[in-house]
Amino acid sequence: MPEKTGFDLLEELDYVPLVVFITAYDEFALQAFQVNALDYLLKPIEPERLTETLKKLEKKLEELKKEDEFTTDAPKDKLALNDQVFVKDGDKCWFVKLANVRLFESDGNYIKVYFEKISL
């Protein structure tokens, strides 16, 4: 990545996905795990080591899926990024994921919603 590192990119994200660092440099391993990297692979990658990482990734995805199933059955007191809000502007209506909303702005008795370069 020109002019950036993987760490710079992670700092810019609102939501950090599962991350596996693959690099030829071992000096960043500690920093990778400080940002909750799932794993850190050194080049050249050994097939056995890659297999371990893929198994670790599958296990983590299963855990997250189970957590998601558990929380969808429980009453929600908070909204998540994948939740949607219903937005109506005259005759036009949208379901907008909260992850796509850029700003809610109070305007008298109404709320302006800014999302995906469109404002209502």
PDB file of N, CA and C in Angstrom:
ATOM      1  N   MET A   1       0.859  -1.176   0.000  1.00  0.00           N
ATOM      2  CA  MET A   1       0.000   0.000   0.000  1.00  0.00           C
ATOM      3  C   MET A   1       0.906   1.240   0.000  1.00  0.00           C
ATOM      4  N   PRO A   2       0.808   2.020  -1.016  1.00  0.00           N
ATOM      5  CA  PRO A   2       1.660   3.208  -1.072  1.00  0.00           C
ATOM      6  C   PRO A   2       1.310   4.202   0.044  1.00  0.00           C
ATOM      7  N   GLU A   3       2.340   4.657   0.723  1.00  0.00           N
ATOM      8  CA  GLU A   3       2.240   5.704   1.740  1.00  0.00           C
ATOM      9  C   GLU A   3       1.433   5.322   2.983  1.00  0.00           C
ATOM     10  N   LYS A   4       1.063   4.065   3.132  1.00  0.00           N
ATOM     11  CA  LYS A   4       0.309   3.617   4.303  1.00  0.00           C
ATOM     12  C   LYS A   4       0.784   2.243   4.712  1.00  0.00           C
ATOM     13  N   THR A   5       0.483   1.915   5.972  1.00  0.00           N
ATOM     14  CA  THR A   5       0.720   0.557   6.442  1.00  0.00           C
ATOM     15  C   THR A   5      -0.623  -0.078   6.763  1.00  0.00           C
ATOM     16  N   GLY A   6      -0.620  -1.370   7.000  1.00  0.00           N
ATOM     17  CA  GLY A   6      -1.845  -2.045   7.423  1.00  0.00           C
ATOM     18  C   GLY A   6      -2.360  -1.476   8.732  1.00  0.00           C
ATOM     19  N   PHE A   7      -1.447  -1.043   9.601  1.00  0.00           N
ATOM     20  CA  PHE A   7      -1.848  -0.448  10.878  1.00  0.00           C
ATOM     21  C   PHE A   7      -2.548   0.888  10.657  1.00  0.00           C
ATOM     22  N   ASP A   8      -2.052   1.679   9.700  1.00  0.00           N
ATOM     23  CA  ASP A   8      -2.712   2.955   9.375  1.00  0.00           C
ATOM     24  C   ASP A   8      -4.135   2.713   8.894  1.00  0.00           C
ATOM     25  N   LEU A   9      -4.291   1.718   8.043  1.00  0.00           N
ATOM     26  CA  LEU A   9      -5.621   1.387   7.528  1.00  0.00           C
ATOM     27  C   LEU A   9      -6.558   0.962   8.651  1.00  0.00           C
ATOM     28  N   LEU A  10      -6.094   0.115   9.554  1.00  0.00           N
ATOM     29  CA  LEU A  10      -6.931  -0.337  10.664  1.00  0.00           C
ATOM     30  C   LEU A  10      -7.386   0.826  11.542  1.00  0.00           C
ATOM     31  N   GLU A  11      -6.522   1.811  11.743  1.00  0.00           N
ATOM     32  CA  GLU A  11      -6.881   2.975  12.559  1.00  0.00           C
ATOM     33  C   GLU A  11      -7.983   3.801  11.920  1.00  0.00           C
ATOM     34  N   GLU A  12      -8.101   3.761  10.607  1.00  0.00           N
ATOM     35  CA  GLU A  12      -9.105   4.553   9.894  1.00  0.00           C
ATOM     36  C   GLU A  12     -10.473   3.888   9.854  1.00  0.00           C
ATOM     37  N   LEU A  13     -10.530   2.594  10.144  1.00  0.00           N
ATOM     38  CA  LEU A  13     -11.788   1.856  10.042  1.00  0.00           C
ATOM     39  C   LEU A  13     -12.658   2.057  11.275  1.00  0.00           C
ATOM     40  N   ASP A  14     -13.968   2.205  11.056  1.00  0.00           N
ATOM     41  CA  ASP A  14     -14.926   2.254  12.161  1.00  0.00           C
ATOM     42  C   ASP A  14     -15.178   0.853  12.700  1.00  0.00           C
ATOM     43  N   TYR A  15     -15.194  -0.104  11.803  1.00  0.00           N
ATOM     44  CA  TYR A  15     -15.399  -1.502  12.179  1.00  0.00           C
ATOM     45  C   TYR A  15     -14.180  -2.279  11.701  1.00  0.00           C
ATOM     46  N   VAL A  16     -13.530  -2.965  12.599  1.00  0.00           N
ATOM     47  CA  VAL A  16     -12.326  -3.715  12.245  1.00  0.00           C
ATOM     48  C   VAL A  16     -12.700  -5.176  12.001  1.00  0.00           C
ATOM     49  N   PRO A  17     -12.457  -5.668  10.795  1.00  0.00           N
ATOM     50  CA  PRO A  17     -12.766  -7.065  10.502  1.00  0.00           C
ATOM     51  C   PRO A  17     -11.713  -7.993  11.099  1.00  0.00           C
ATOM     52  N   LEU A  18     -11.911  -9.293  10.921  1.00  0.00           N
ATOM     53  CA  LEU A  18     -10.877 -10.243  11.310  1.00  0.00           C
ATOM     54  C   LEU A  18      -9.672 -10.004  10.404  1.00  0.00           C
ATOM     55  N   VAL A  19      -8.490  -9.927  11.012  1.00  0.00           N
ATOM     56  CA  VAL A  19      -7.294  -9.566  10.253  1.00  0.00           C
ATOM     57  C   VAL A  19      -6.201 -10.604  10.443  1.00  0.00           C
ATOM     58  N   VAL A  20      -5.594 -11.008   9.353  1.00  0.00           N
ATOM     59  CA  VAL A  20      -4.394 -11.843   9.372  1.00  0.00           C
ATOM     60  C   VAL A  20      -3.320 -11.050   8.630  1.00  0.00           C
ATOM     61  N   PHE A  21      -2.233 -10.751   9.315  1.00  0.00           N
ATOM     62  CA  PHE A  21      -1.116 -10.060   8.676  1.00  0.00           C
ATOM     63  C   PHE A  21      -0.238 -11.085   7.968  1.00  0.00           C
ATOM     64  N   ILE A  22       0.120 -10.793   6.732  1.00  0.00           N
ATOM     65  CA  ILE A  22       1.047 -11.627   5.980  1.00  0.00           C
ATOM     66  C   ILE A  22       2.154 -10.701   5.505  1.00  0.00           C
ATOM     67  N   THR A  23       3.362 -10.946   6.000  1.00  0.00           N
ATOM     68  CA  THR A  23       4.461 -10.040   5.722  1.00  0.00           C
ATOM     69  C   THR A  23       5.793 -10.779   5.798  1.00  0.00           C
ATOM     70  N   ALA A  24       6.817 -10.138   5.297  1.00  0.00           N
ATOM     71  CA  ALA A  24       8.172 -10.707   5.383  1.00  0.00           C
ATOM     72  C   ALA A  24       8.910 -10.178   6.605  1.00  0.00           C
ATOM     73  N   TYR A  25       8.273  -9.325   7.388  1.00  0.00           N
ATOM     74  CA  TYR A  25       8.930  -8.653   8.515  1.00  0.00           C
ATOM     75  C   TYR A  25       8.359  -9.125   9.846  1.00  0.00           C
ATOM     76  N   ASP A  26       9.200  -9.695  10.684  1.00  0.00           N
ATOM     77  CA  ASP A  26       8.713 -10.204  11.966  1.00  0.00           C
ATOM     78  C   ASP A  26       8.641  -9.127  13.043  1.00  0.00           C
ATOM     79  N   GLU A  27       9.230  -7.959  12.824  1.00  0.00           N
ATOM     80  CA  GLU A  27       9.282  -6.941  13.876  1.00  0.00           C
ATOM     81  C   GLU A  27       7.926  -6.289  14.188  1.00  0.00           C
ATOM     82  N   PHE A  28       6.907  -6.546  13.378  1.00  0.00           N
ATOM     83  CA  PHE A  28       5.603  -5.942  13.624  1.00  0.00           C
ATOM     84  C   PHE A  28       4.606  -6.907  14.268  1.00  0.00           C
ATOM     85  N   ALA A  29       5.047  -8.097  14.607  1.00  0.00           N
ATOM     86  CA  ALA A  29       4.141  -9.114  15.150  1.00  0.00           C
ATOM     87  C   ALA A  29       3.466  -8.660  16.442  1.00  0.00           C
ATOM     88  N   LEU A  30       4.247  -8.115  17.370  1.00  0.00           N
ATOM     89  CA  LEU A  30       3.669  -7.666  18.639  1.00  0.00           C
ATOM     90  C   LEU A  30       2.613  -6.593  18.398  1.00  0.00           C
ATOM     91  N   GLN A  31       2.919  -5.637  17.538  1.00  0.00           N
ATOM     92  CA  GLN A  31       1.964  -4.573  17.220  1.00  0.00           C
ATOM     93  C   GLN A  31       0.701  -5.160  16.573  1.00  0.00           C
ATOM     94  N   ALA A  32       0.851  -6.175  15.767  1.00  0.00           N
ATOM     95  CA  ALA A  32      -0.302  -6.808  15.113  1.00  0.00           C
ATOM     96  C   ALA A  32      -1.252  -7.404  16.143  1.00  0.00           C
ATOM     97  N   PHE A  33      -0.709  -8.078  17.132  1.00  0.00           N
ATOM     98  CA  PHE A  33      -1.569  -8.684  18.143  1.00  0.00           C
ATOM     99  C   PHE A  33      -2.149  -7.637  19.094  1.00  0.00           C
ATOM    100  N   GLN A  34      -1.502  -6.485  19.210  1.00  0.00           N
ATOM    101  CA  GLN A  34      -2.054  -5.391  20.016  1.00  0.00           C
ATOM    102  C   GLN A  34      -3.300  -4.803  19.361  1.00  0.00           C
ATOM    103  N   VAL A  35      -3.425  -4.939  18.046  1.00  0.00           N
ATOM    104  CA  VAL A  35      -4.637  -4.488  17.357  1.00  0.00           C
ATOM    105  C   VAL A  35      -5.574  -5.665  17.082  1.00  0.00           C
ATOM    106  N   ASN A  36      -5.397  -6.751  17.864  1.00  0.00           N
ATOM    107  CA  ASN A  36      -6.272  -7.925  17.824  1.00  0.00           C
ATOM    108  C   ASN A  36      -6.247  -8.689  16.512  1.00  0.00           C
ATOM    109  N   ALA A  37      -5.084  -8.764  15.877  1.00  0.00           N
ATOM    110  CA  ALA A  37      -4.964  -9.573  14.669  1.00  0.00           C
ATOM    111  C   ALA A  37      -5.232 -11.037  15.030  1.00  0.00           C
ATOM    112  N   LEU A  38      -5.879 -11.730  14.130  1.00  0.00           N
ATOM    113  CA  LEU A  38      -6.166 -13.145  14.346  1.00  0.00           C
ATOM    114  C   LEU A  38      -4.888 -13.973  14.253  1.00  0.00           C
ATOM    115  N   ASP A  39      -3.993 -13.573  13.339  1.00  0.00           N
ATOM    116  CA  ASP A  39      -2.735 -14.293  13.193  1.00  0.00           C
ATOM    117  C   ASP A  39      -1.734 -13.415  12.444  1.00  0.00           C
ATOM    118  N   TYR A  40      -0.501 -13.890  12.407  1.00  0.00           N
ATOM    119  CA  TYR A  40       0.604 -13.159  11.786  1.00  0.00           C
ATOM    120  C   TYR A  40       1.465 -14.187  11.069  1.00  0.00           C
ATOM    121  N   LEU A  41       1.455 -14.149   9.738  1.00  0.00           N
ATOM    122  CA  LEU A  41       2.200 -15.123   8.954  1.00  0.00           C
ATOM    123  C   LEU A  41       3.413 -14.471   8.300  1.00  0.00           C
ATOM    124  N   LEU A  42       4.527 -15.176   8.364  1.00  0.00           N
ATOM    125  CA  LEU A  42       5.755 -14.688   7.738  1.00  0.00           C
ATOM    126  C   LEU A  42       5.958 -15.347   6.380  1.00  0.00           C
ATOM    127  N   LYS A  43       6.387 -14.543   5.417  1.00  0.00           N
ATOM    128  CA  LYS A  43       6.722 -15.064   4.099  1.00  0.00           C
ATOM    129  C   LYS A  43       8.123 -15.653   4.153  1.00  0.00           C
ATOM    130  N   PRO A  44       8.406 -16.687   3.431  1.00  0.00           N
ATOM    131  CA  PRO A  44       7.480 -17.498   2.631  1.00  0.00           C
ATOM    132  C   PRO A  44       6.580 -18.321   3.549  1.00  0.00           C
ATOM    133  N   ILE A  45       5.338 -18.405   3.170  1.00  0.00           N
ATOM    134  CA  ILE A  45       4.345 -19.068   4.018  1.00  0.00           C
ATOM    135  C   ILE A  45       4.431 -20.576   3.838  1.00  0.00           C
ATOM    136  N   GLU A  46       4.534 -21.260   4.956  1.00  0.00           N
ATOM    137  CA  GLU A  46       4.547 -22.718   4.937  1.00  0.00           C
ATOM    138  C   GLU A  46       3.106 -23.223   4.878  1.00  0.00           C
ATOM    139  N   PRO A  47       2.833 -24.216   4.040  1.00  0.00           N
ATOM    140  CA  PRO A  47       1.459 -24.723   3.892  1.00  0.00           C
ATOM    141  C   PRO A  47       0.820 -25.147   5.220  1.00  0.00           C
ATOM    142  N   GLU A  48       1.599 -25.778   6.105  1.00  0.00           N
ATOM    143  CA  GLU A  48       1.040 -26.213   7.390  1.00  0.00           C
ATOM    144  C   GLU A  48       0.615 -25.018   8.228  1.00  0.00           C
ATOM    145  N   ARG A  49       1.423 -23.980   8.186  1.00  0.00           N
ATOM    146  CA  ARG A  49       1.124 -22.766   8.972  1.00  0.00           C
ATOM    147  C   ARG A  49      -0.124 -22.071   8.430  1.00  0.00           C
ATOM    148  N   LEU A  50      -0.271 -22.037   7.124  1.00  0.00           N
ATOM    149  CA  LEU A  50      -1.465 -21.452   6.506  1.00  0.00           C
ATOM    150  C   LEU A  50      -2.700 -22.259   6.875  1.00  0.00           C
ATOM    151  N   THR A  51      -2.572 -23.575   6.906  1.00  0.00           N
ATOM    152  CA  THR A  51      -3.687 -24.442   7.298  1.00  0.00           C
ATOM    153  C   THR A  51      -4.121 -24.141   8.730  1.00  0.00           C
ATOM    154  N   GLU A  52      -3.153 -23.960   9.638  1.00  0.00           N
ATOM    155  CA  GLU A  52      -3.470 -23.601  11.027  1.00  0.00           C
ATOM    156  C   GLU A  52      -4.251 -22.295  11.086  1.00  0.00           C
ATOM    157  N   THR A  53      -3.806 -21.319  10.321  1.00  0.00           N
ATOM    158  CA  THR A  53      -4.467 -20.012  10.318  1.00  0.00           C
ATOM    159  C   THR A  53      -5.892 -20.119   9.786  1.00  0.00           C
ATOM    160  N   LEU A  54      -6.078 -20.885   8.730  1.00  0.00           N
ATOM    161  CA  LEU A  54      -7.421 -21.051   8.171  1.00  0.00           C
ATOM    162  C   LEU A  54      -8.350 -21.748   9.158  1.00  0.00           C
ATOM    163  N   LYS A  55      -7.830 -22.724   9.891  1.00  0.00           N
ATOM    164  CA  LYS A  55      -8.639 -23.396  10.921  1.00  0.00           C
ATOM    165  C   LYS A  55      -9.007 -22.423  12.033  1.00  0.00           C
ATOM    166  N   LYS A  56      -8.048 -21.582  12.410  1.00  0.00           N
ATOM    167  CA  LYS A  56      -8.299 -20.572  13.442  1.00  0.00           C
ATOM    168  C   LYS A  56      -9.377 -19.585  12.971  1.00  0.00           C
ATOM    169  N   LEU A  57      -9.305 -19.219  11.707  1.00  0.00           N
ATOM    170  CA  LEU A  57     -10.295 -18.307  11.127  1.00  0.00           C
ATOM    171  C   LEU A  57     -11.678 -18.946  11.108  1.00  0.00           C
ATOM    172  N   GLU A  58     -11.769 -20.200  10.686  1.00  0.00           N
ATOM    173  CA  GLU A  58     -13.054 -20.902  10.676  1.00  0.00           C
ATOM    174  C   GLU A  58     -13.656 -20.979  12.074  1.00  0.00           C
ATOM    175  N   LYS A  59     -12.815 -21.293  13.058  1.00  0.00           N
ATOM    176  CA  LYS A  59     -13.285 -21.390  14.443  1.00  0.00           C
ATOM    177  C   LYS A  59     -13.815 -20.042  14.931  1.00  0.00           C
ATOM    178  N   LYS A  60     -13.096 -18.982  14.632  1.00  0.00           N
ATOM    179  CA  LYS A  60     -13.520 -17.636  15.059  1.00  0.00           C
ATOM    180  C   LYS A  60     -14.831 -17.243  14.378  1.00  0.00           C
ATOM    181  N   LEU A  61     -14.970 -17.557  13.099  1.00  0.00           N
ATOM    182  CA  LEU A  61     -16.211 -17.235  12.382  1.00  0.00           C
ATOM    183  C   LEU A  61     -17.391 -18.003  12.962  1.00  0.00           C
ATOM    184  N   GLU A  62     -17.188 -19.255  13.333  1.00  0.00           N
ATOM    185  CA  GLU A  62     -18.244 -20.042  13.971  1.00  0.00           C
ATOM    186  C   GLU A  62     -18.644 -19.425  15.311  1.00  0.00           C
ATOM    187  N   GLU A  63     -17.647 -18.999  16.105  1.00  0.00           N
ATOM    188  CA  GLU A  63     -17.934 -18.357  17.387  1.00  0.00           C
ATOM    189  C   GLU A  63     -18.755 -17.092  17.188  1.00  0.00           C
ATOM    190  N   LEU A  64     -18.370 -16.294  16.202  1.00  0.00           N
ATOM    191  CA  LEU A  64     -19.098 -15.052  15.935  1.00  0.00           C
ATOM    192  C   LEU A  64     -20.514 -15.325  15.454  1.00  0.00           C
ATOM    193  N   LYS A  65     -20.664 -16.375  14.654  1.00  0.00           N
ATOM    194  CA  LYS A  65     -21.991 -16.743  14.166  1.00  0.00           C
ATOM    195  C   LYS A  65     -22.888 -17.157  15.327  1.00  0.00           C
ATOM    196  N   LYS A  66     -22.339 -17.948  16.259  1.00  0.00           N
ATOM    197  CA  LYS A  66     -23.116 -18.376  17.427  1.00  0.00           C
ATOM    198  C   LYS A  66     -23.490 -17.183  18.300  1.00  0.00           C
ATOM    199  N   GLU A  67     -22.552 -16.257  18.487  1.00  0.00           N
ATOM    200  CA  GLU A  67     -22.837 -15.046  19.261  1.00  0.00           C
ATOM    201  C   GLU A  67     -23.943 -14.246  18.599  1.00  0.00           C
ATOM    202  N   ASP A  68     -23.888 -14.142  17.259  1.00  0.00           N
ATOM    203  CA  ASP A  68     -24.894 -13.386  16.521  1.00  0.00           C
ATOM    204  C   ASP A  68     -26.261 -14.042  16.641  1.00  0.00           C
ATOM    205  N   GLU A  69     -26.311 -15.381  16.557  1.00  0.00           N
ATOM    206  CA  GLU A  69     -27.580 -16.098  16.718  1.00  0.00           C
ATOM    207  C   GLU A  69     -28.145 -15.888  18.112  1.00  0.00           C
ATOM    208  N   PHE A  70     -27.268 -15.896  19.107  1.00  0.00           N
ATOM    209  CA  PHE A  70     -27.697 -15.687  20.487  1.00  0.00           C
ATOM    210  C   PHE A  70     -28.247 -14.282  20.675  1.00  0.00           C
ATOM    211  N   THR A  71     -27.581 -13.289  20.143  1.00  0.00           N
ATOM    212  CA  THR A  71     -28.013 -11.905  20.355  1.00  0.00           C
ATOM    213  C   THR A  71     -29.242 -11.550  19.538  1.00  0.00           C
ATOM    214  N   THR A  72     -29.480 -12.238  18.401  1.00  0.00           N
ATOM    215  CA  THR A  72     -30.675 -11.914  17.633  1.00  0.00           C
ATOM    216  C   THR A  72     -31.930 -12.417  18.330  1.00  0.00           C
ATOM    217  N   ASP A  73     -31.806 -13.455  19.151  1.00  0.00           N
ATOM    218  CA  ASP A  73     -32.958 -13.944  19.910  1.00  0.00           C
ATOM    219  C   ASP A  73     -33.219 -13.104  21.154  1.00  0.00           C
ATOM    220  N   ALA A  74     -32.193 -12.473  21.663  1.00  0.00           N
ATOM    221  CA  ALA A  74     -32.328 -11.666  22.883  1.00  0.00           C
ATOM    222  C   ALA A  74     -32.906 -10.300  22.526  1.00  0.00           C
ATOM    223  N   PRO A  75     -33.622  -9.672  23.464  1.00  0.00           N
ATOM    224  CA  PRO A  75     -34.132  -8.328  23.188  1.00  0.00           C
ATOM    225  C   PRO A  75     -32.967  -7.367  23.005  1.00  0.00           C
ATOM    226  N   LYS A  76     -33.121  -6.491  22.022  1.00  0.00           N
ATOM    227  CA  LYS A  76     -32.044  -5.557  21.721  1.00  0.00           C
ATOM    228  C   LYS A  76     -32.323  -4.218  22.395  1.00  0.00           C
ATOM    229  N   ASP A  77     -31.332  -3.712  23.088  1.00  0.00           N
ATOM    230  CA  ASP A  77     -31.454  -2.370  23.631  1.00  0.00           C
ATOM    231  C   ASP A  77     -30.509  -1.414  22.912  1.00  0.00           C
ATOM    232  N   LYS A  78     -29.735  -1.945  21.977  1.00  0.00           N
ATOM    233  CA  LYS A  78     -28.821  -1.129  21.192  1.00  0.00           C
ATOM    234  C   LYS A  78     -28.926  -1.529  19.736  1.00  0.00           C
ATOM    235  N   LEU A  79     -28.698  -0.575  18.867  1.00  0.00           N
ATOM    236  CA  LEU A  79     -28.675  -0.869  17.439  1.00  0.00           C
ATOM    237  C   LEU A  79     -27.257  -1.215  17.023  1.00  0.00           C
ATOM    238  N   ALA A  80     -27.145  -2.071  16.015  1.00  0.00           N
ATOM    239  CA  ALA A  80     -25.838  -2.452  15.478  1.00  0.00           C
ATOM    240  C   ALA A  80     -25.700  -1.890  14.068  1.00  0.00           C
ATOM    241  N   LEU A  81     -24.489  -1.907  13.540  1.00  0.00           N
ATOM    242  CA  LEU A  81     -24.229  -1.345  12.213  1.00  0.00           C
ATOM    243  C   LEU A  81     -25.042  -2.008  11.118  1.00  0.00           C
ATOM    244  N   ASN A  82     -25.381  -3.285  11.270  1.00  0.00           N
ATOM    245  CA  ASN A  82     -26.169  -3.969  10.236  1.00  0.00           C
ATOM    246  C   ASN A  82     -27.663  -3.717  10.368  1.00  0.00           C
ATOM    247  N   ASP A  83     -28.104  -3.108  11.466  1.00  0.00           N
ATOM    248  CA  ASP A  83     -29.518  -2.775  11.622  1.00  0.00           C
ATOM    249  C   ASP A  83     -29.891  -1.684  10.625  1.00  0.00           C
ATOM    250  N   GLN A  84     -31.164  -1.668  10.264  1.00  0.00           N
ATOM    251  CA  GLN A  84     -31.636  -0.697   9.288  1.00  0.00           C
ATOM    252  C   GLN A  84     -32.642   0.256   9.924  1.00  0.00           C
ATOM    253  N   VAL A  85     -32.673   1.462   9.390  1.00  0.00           N
ATOM    254  CA  VAL A  85     -33.699   2.427   9.782  1.00  0.00           C
ATOM    255  C   VAL A  85     -34.568   2.700   8.560  1.00  0.00           C
ATOM    256  N   PHE A  86     -35.819   2.966   8.821  1.00  0.00           N
ATOM    257  CA  PHE A  86     -36.758   3.306   7.756  1.00  0.00           C
ATOM    258  C   PHE A  86     -36.742   4.819   7.585  1.00  0.00           C
ATOM    259  N   VAL A  87     -36.499   5.262   6.365  1.00  0.00           N
ATOM    260  CA  VAL A  87     -36.419   6.698   6.076  1.00  0.00           C
ATOM    261  C   VAL A  87     -37.468   7.031   5.026  1.00  0.00           C
ATOM    262  N   LYS A  88     -38.284   8.048   5.335  1.00  0.00           N
ATOM    263  CA  LYS A  88     -39.346   8.460   4.414  1.00  0.00           C
ATOM    264  C   LYS A  88     -39.181   9.936   4.098  1.00  0.00           C
ATOM    265  N   ASP A  89     -39.258  10.267   2.815  1.00  0.00           N
ATOM    266  CA  ASP A  89     -39.187  11.643   2.348  1.00  0.00           C
ATOM    267  C   ASP A  89     -40.292  11.831   1.317  1.00  0.00           C
ATOM    268  N   GLY A  90     -41.420  12.367   1.757  1.00  0.00           N
ATOM    269  CA  GLY A  90     -42.559  12.481   0.859  1.00  0.00           C
ATOM    270  C   GLY A  90     -43.049  11.112   0.459  1.00  0.00           C
ATOM    271  N   ASP A  91     -43.056  10.836  -0.848  1.00  0.00           N
ATOM    272  CA  ASP A  91     -43.481   9.529  -1.347  1.00  0.00           C
ATOM    273  C   ASP A  91     -42.337   8.527  -1.444  1.00  0.00           C
ATOM    274  N   LYS A  92     -41.120   8.983  -1.208  1.00  0.00           N
ATOM    275  CA  LYS A  92     -39.956   8.104  -1.327  1.00  0.00           C
ATOM    276  C   LYS A  92     -39.634   7.478   0.027  1.00  0.00           C
ATOM    277  N   CYS A  93     -39.269   6.184  -0.004  1.00  0.00           N
ATOM    278  CA  CYS A  93     -38.924   5.469   1.220  1.00  0.00           C
ATOM    279  C   CYS A  93     -37.686   4.616   0.988  1.00  0.00           C
ATOM    280  N   TRP A  94     -36.897   4.492   2.037  1.00  0.00           N
ATOM    281  CA  TRP A  94     -35.691   3.673   1.989  1.00  0.00           C
ATOM    282  C   TRP A  94     -35.532   2.930   3.304  1.00  0.00           C
ATOM    283  N   PHE A  95     -34.891   1.753   3.226  1.00  0.00           N
ATOM    284  CA  PHE A  95     -34.339   1.101   4.402  1.00  0.00           C
ATOM    285  C   PHE A  95     -32.840   1.329   4.296  1.00  0.00           C
ATOM    286  N   VAL A  96     -32.271   1.967   5.295  1.00  0.00           N
ATOM    287  CA  VAL A  96     -30.861   2.338   5.249  1.00  0.00           C
ATOM    288  C   VAL A  96     -30.131   1.667   6.401  1.00  0.00           C
ATOM    289  N   LYS A  97     -29.052   0.948   6.086  1.00  0.00           N
ATOM    290  CA  LYS A  97     -28.225   0.361   7.135  1.00  0.00           C
ATOM    291  C   LYS A  97     -27.563   1.478   7.928  1.00  0.00           C
ATOM    292  N   LEU A  98     -27.515   1.313   9.230  1.00  0.00           N
ATOM    293  CA  LEU A  98     -26.868   2.327  10.064  1.00  0.00           C
ATOM    294  C   LEU A  98     -25.409   2.534   9.676  1.00  0.00           C
ATOM    295  N   ALA A  99     -24.766   1.506   9.159  1.00  0.00           N
ATOM    296  CA  ALA A  99     -23.380   1.636   8.724  1.00  0.00           C
ATOM    297  C   ALA A  99     -23.253   2.652   7.585  1.00  0.00           C
ATOM    298  N   ASN A 100     -24.342   2.886   6.832  1.00  0.00           N
ATOM    299  CA  ASN A 100     -24.304   3.824   5.707  1.00  0.00           C
ATOM    300  C   ASN A 100     -24.731   5.235   6.093  1.00  0.00           C
ATOM    301  N   VAL A 101     -25.259   5.397   7.303  1.00  0.00           N
ATOM    302  CA  VAL A 101     -25.694   6.721   7.751  1.00  0.00           C
ATOM    303  C   VAL A 101     -24.469   7.533   8.153  1.00  0.00           C
ATOM    304  N   ARG A 102     -24.373   8.740   7.621  1.00  0.00           N
ATOM    305  CA  ARG A 102     -23.243   9.614   7.938  1.00  0.00           C
ATOM    306  C   ARG A 102     -23.583  10.606   9.042  1.00  0.00           C
ATOM    307  N   LEU A 103     -24.870  11.011   9.129  1.00  0.00           N
ATOM    308  CA  LEU A 103     -25.239  12.042  10.095  1.00  0.00           C
ATOM    309  C   LEU A 103     -26.752  12.070  10.279  1.00  0.00           C
ATOM    310  N   PHE A 104     -27.183  12.206  11.531  1.00  0.00           N
ATOM    311  CA  PHE A 104     -28.568  12.544  11.856  1.00  0.00           C
ATOM    312  C   PHE A 104     -28.537  13.980  12.331  1.00  0.00           C
ATOM    313  N   GLU A 105     -29.418  14.824  11.778  1.00  0.00           N
ATOM    314  CA  GLU A 105     -29.422  16.239  12.147  1.00  0.00           C
ATOM    315  C   GLU A 105     -30.845  16.675  12.492  1.00  0.00           C
ATOM    316  N   SER A 106     -31.005  17.298  13.641  1.00  0.00           N
ATOM    317  CA  SER A 106     -32.309  17.792  14.063  1.00  0.00           C
ATOM    318  C   SER A 106     -32.667  19.019  13.237  1.00  0.00           C
ATOM    319  N   ASP A 107     -33.931  19.054  12.765  1.00  0.00           N
ATOM    320  CA  ASP A 107     -34.415  20.189  11.971  1.00  0.00           C
ATOM    321  C   ASP A 107     -35.859  20.464  12.385  1.00  0.00           C
ATOM    322  N   GLY A 108     -36.024  21.193  13.508  1.00  0.00           N
ATOM    323  CA  GLY A 108     -37.358  21.447  14.035  1.00  0.00           C
ATOM    324  C   GLY A 108     -37.993  20.155  14.510  1.00  0.00           C
ATOM    325  N   ASN A 109     -39.182  19.829  13.964  1.00  0.00           N
ATOM    326  CA  ASN A 109     -39.863  18.584  14.320  1.00  0.00           C
ATOM    327  C   ASN A 109     -39.419  17.400  13.476  1.00  0.00           C
ATOM    328  N   TYR A 110     -38.418  17.593  12.654  1.00  0.00           N
ATOM    329  CA  TYR A 110     -37.966  16.552  11.745  1.00  0.00           C
ATOM    330  C   TYR A 110     -36.493  16.220  11.991  1.00  0.00           C
ATOM    331  N   ILE A 111     -36.071  15.147  11.382  1.00  0.00           N
ATOM    332  CA  ILE A 111     -34.672  14.726  11.429  1.00  0.00           C
ATOM    333  C   ILE A 111     -34.181  14.613   9.994  1.00  0.00           C
ATOM    334  N   LYS A 112     -33.036  15.219   9.714  1.00  0.00           N
ATOM    335  CA  LYS A 112     -32.386  15.033   8.422  1.00  0.00           C
ATOM    336  C   LYS A 112     -31.437  13.846   8.565  1.00  0.00           C
ATOM    337  N   VAL A 113     -31.451  12.980   7.562  1.00  0.00           N
ATOM    338  CA  VAL A 113     -30.586  11.810   7.567  1.00  0.00           C
ATOM    339  C   VAL A 113     -29.667  11.907   6.354  1.00  0.00           C
ATOM    340  N   TYR A 114     -28.370  11.864   6.606  1.00  0.00           N
ATOM    341  CA  TYR A 114     -27.392  11.913   5.535  1.00  0.00           C
ATOM    342  C   TYR A 114     -26.795  10.525   5.377  1.00  0.00           C
ATOM    343  N   PHE A 115     -26.896   9.977   4.159  1.00  0.00           N
ATOM    344  CA  PHE A 115     -26.352   8.642   3.918  1.00  0.00           C
ATOM    345  C   PHE A 115     -25.959   8.512   2.465  1.00  0.00           C
ATOM    346  N   GLU A 116     -24.894   7.761   2.238  1.00  0.00           N
ATOM    347  CA  GLU A 116     -24.431   7.438   0.879  1.00  0.00           C
ATOM    348  C   GLU A 116     -24.502   8.627  -0.073  1.00  0.00           C
ATOM    349  N   LYS A 117     -23.988   9.774   0.341  1.00  0.00           N
ATOM    350  CA  LYS A 117     -23.921  10.994  -0.475  1.00  0.00           C
ATOM    351  C   LYS A 117     -25.290  11.565  -0.801  1.00  0.00           C
ATOM    352  N   ILE A 118     -26.341  11.104  -0.103  1.00  0.00           N
ATOM    353  CA  ILE A 118     -27.696  11.611  -0.324  1.00  0.00           C
ATOM    354  C   ILE A 118     -28.194  12.152   1.011  1.00  0.00           C
ATOM    355  N   SER A 119     -28.850  13.285   1.015  1.00  0.00           N
ATOM    356  CA  SER A 119     -29.423  13.765   2.256  1.00  0.00           C
ATOM    357  C   SER A 119     -30.928  13.938   2.089  1.00  0.00           C
ATOM    358  N   LEU A 120     -31.646  13.670   3.168  1.00  0.00           N
ATOM    359  CA  LEU A 120     -33.115  13.809   3.157  1.00  0.00           C
ATOM    360  C   LEU A 120     -33.522  14.776   4.238  1.00  0.00           C
TER     361      LEU A 120
END
